[in-house]
Protein backbone atom coordinates (compact mmCIF):
# COMPACT_ATOMS: atom_id res chain seq x y z
CA MET A 1 128.48 76.55 100.85
CA ALA A 2 129.26 79.24 103.40
CA ARG A 3 128.56 82.82 102.48
CA ARG A 4 131.60 84.88 101.54
CA TYR A 5 132.03 88.23 103.26
CA HIS A 6 134.13 91.06 101.89
CA CYS A 7 134.44 92.83 105.24
CA ALA A 8 134.50 91.60 108.84
CA VAL A 9 131.90 94.23 109.78
CA GLU A 10 129.58 92.72 107.18
CA LEU A 11 129.85 89.36 108.95
CA ALA A 12 129.31 90.93 112.39
CA VAL A 13 126.22 92.85 111.26
CA ASP A 14 124.86 89.73 109.58
CA VAL A 15 125.10 87.83 112.88
CA ILE A 16 124.08 90.49 115.43
CA GLY A 17 122.41 93.10 113.24
CA GLY A 18 118.79 94.10 113.10
CA LYS A 19 116.58 95.96 115.51
CA TRP A 20 116.13 93.32 118.22
CA ARG A 21 119.15 91.00 118.20
CA PRO A 22 121.57 93.44 119.86
CA VAL A 23 118.91 94.41 122.41
CA ILE A 24 118.29 90.76 123.33
CA LEU A 25 122.03 90.15 123.61
CA ALA A 26 122.47 93.27 125.75
CA HIS A 27 119.86 92.05 128.22
CA LEU A 28 121.35 88.56 128.31
CA LYS A 29 124.85 89.90 128.99
CA GLU A 30 123.46 90.87 132.42
CA GLY A 31 122.76 87.21 133.17
CA VAL A 32 120.14 84.52 132.74
CA HIS A 33 116.64 85.71 131.88
CA ARG A 34 113.36 83.91 131.57
CA TYR A 35 111.30 84.53 128.48
CA GLY A 36 108.78 86.63 130.43
CA GLU A 37 111.55 88.87 131.80
CA LEU A 38 112.79 89.55 128.29
CA ARG A 39 109.23 90.40 127.17
CA ARG A 40 108.86 92.91 130.03
CA ARG A 41 112.22 94.51 129.27
CA MET A 42 111.33 94.81 125.59
CA PRO A 43 107.69 95.97 125.54
CA ASP A 44 107.80 97.13 121.89
CA VAL A 45 108.76 93.75 120.41
CA SER A 46 105.97 91.37 119.43
CA GLU A 47 105.90 87.90 120.95
CA LYS A 48 106.37 86.35 117.50
CA MET A 49 109.40 88.53 116.75
CA LEU A 50 111.05 87.84 120.12
CA VAL A 51 110.62 84.07 119.72
CA GLN A 52 111.95 84.25 116.16
CA ARG A 53 115.02 86.30 117.13
CA LEU A 54 115.79 84.08 120.13
CA ARG A 55 115.67 81.02 117.87
CA GLU A 56 118.00 82.68 115.36
CA LEU A 57 120.47 83.65 118.08
CA GLU A 58 120.32 80.09 119.40
CA ALA A 59 120.93 78.69 115.90
CA ASP A 60 123.91 81.06 115.53
CA GLY A 61 125.39 79.69 118.77
CA LEU A 62 125.17 82.98 120.69
CA VAL A 63 122.27 82.13 123.03
CA ALA A 64 121.38 78.91 124.84
CA ARG A 65 117.86 77.92 125.84
CA HIS A 66 117.26 75.90 128.98
CA ASP A 67 113.84 74.37 129.64
CA LEU A 68 113.17 74.19 133.40
CA GLY A 69 109.56 73.13 133.47
CA ASN A 70 107.23 70.43 132.43
CA PRO A 71 104.90 70.57 129.41
CA LYS A 72 102.00 71.87 131.51
CA SER A 73 103.97 74.75 133.04
CA PRO A 74 106.86 75.71 130.78
CA HIS A 75 109.69 77.73 132.30
CA VAL A 76 112.40 78.61 129.82
CA GLU A 77 115.60 80.50 130.56
CA TYR A 78 118.02 82.03 128.10
CA HIS A 79 121.68 82.88 128.57
CA LEU A 80 124.70 83.77 126.48
CA THR A 81 126.91 80.93 125.33
CA ALA A 82 130.70 81.18 125.45
CA GLU A 83 130.58 82.57 121.91
CA GLY A 84 127.87 85.02 122.92
CA ARG A 85 129.96 86.23 125.86
CA THR A 86 132.70 87.26 123.42
CA LEU A 87 130.29 90.02 122.38
CA ILE A 88 130.17 91.62 125.85
CA PRO A 89 132.88 94.24 125.10
CA VAL A 90 131.07 95.15 121.87
CA LEU A 91 127.71 95.39 123.65
CA ASP A 92 129.27 97.50 126.42
CA SER A 93 130.71 99.86 123.79
CA LEU A 94 127.34 100.13 122.04
CA HIS A 95 125.69 100.90 125.39
CA THR A 96 128.23 103.60 126.22
CA TRP A 97 127.90 105.15 122.77
CA GLY A 98 124.09 105.04 123.01
CA LEU A 99 124.10 106.84 126.37
CA ALA A 100 126.44 109.52 125.02
CA ARG A 101 124.39 109.89 121.84
CA ALA A 102 121.17 110.23 123.84
CA ALA A 103 122.78 112.96 125.95
CA ARG A 104 124.15 114.83 122.91
CA THR A 105 120.85 114.72 121.02
CA HIS A 106 118.57 115.10 124.06
CA THR A 107 116.93 111.78 123.20
CA PRO A 108 114.94 110.41 126.11
CA SER A 109 115.85 106.90 127.14
CA THR A 110 114.75 104.72 130.00
CA PRO A 111 117.55 102.40 131.03
CA HIS A 112 116.66 99.18 132.78
CA PRO A 113 118.59 98.42 135.94
CA PRO A 114 120.46 95.13 135.82
CA THR A 115 118.51 92.17 137.08
CA PRO A 116 120.44 90.69 140.01
CA ARG A 117 121.15 87.00 139.73
CA VAL A 118 120.24 84.72 142.60
CA ASP A 119 123.90 84.24 143.50
CA GLN A 120 124.62 88.00 143.56
CA GLU A 121 124.10 90.37 146.43
CA VAL A 122 122.04 93.42 145.70
CA CYS A 123 123.95 96.54 146.70
CA VAL A 124 122.31 99.91 146.63
CA PRO A 125 124.85 102.72 146.65
CA ARG A 126 124.42 105.22 149.44
CA PRO A 127 123.94 108.81 148.37
CA VAL A 128 126.86 111.11 148.94
CA ILE A 129 125.89 113.91 151.30
CA PRO A 130 128.01 117.02 150.90
CA ASP A 131 129.83 118.20 153.99
CA ALA A 132 128.08 121.28 155.41
CA THR A 133 131.38 122.75 156.57
CA SER A 134 132.86 123.13 153.08
C-alpha cells in the first residue's frame, strides 16, 4: 500500500530530502557524470553513502545508471531521467536561494563550475575592461 501524504511538500521532501540527495541531483542537472566525478565534487560524502543515495534515487526513478565498461574496468555514468529533469527548476531555485543566503550570512561557499559535456563548447567569458576615457 502506498504511503499517504497530508501535504505535497511532505512527498517532495520524502523523495528528494536529506543531506546528499539534493546535492547529487544538483550535480546531475549539469549533465552526465561518472561516479568518480561525483565523488570529487562531493568530498565530504562517504563512498558508502554516495552509492546508497544513488541507488535510492535510481529506485525512485530520478536517476539512471549506465554501465559503460566491462567487469574488469567498470565505468559507470549517472544522469537525470525525464522525471529527474522535472526537478531542474526546483534545484535552480534552491541554488539561487543558497547563494543569496551565503551572501547574507557571510557563509563561505566554494561553487563548482559546471562540467562541460563532450558535445558542448567551452566558452570562457572575456573580462570587461572599463573604458579609460570615461
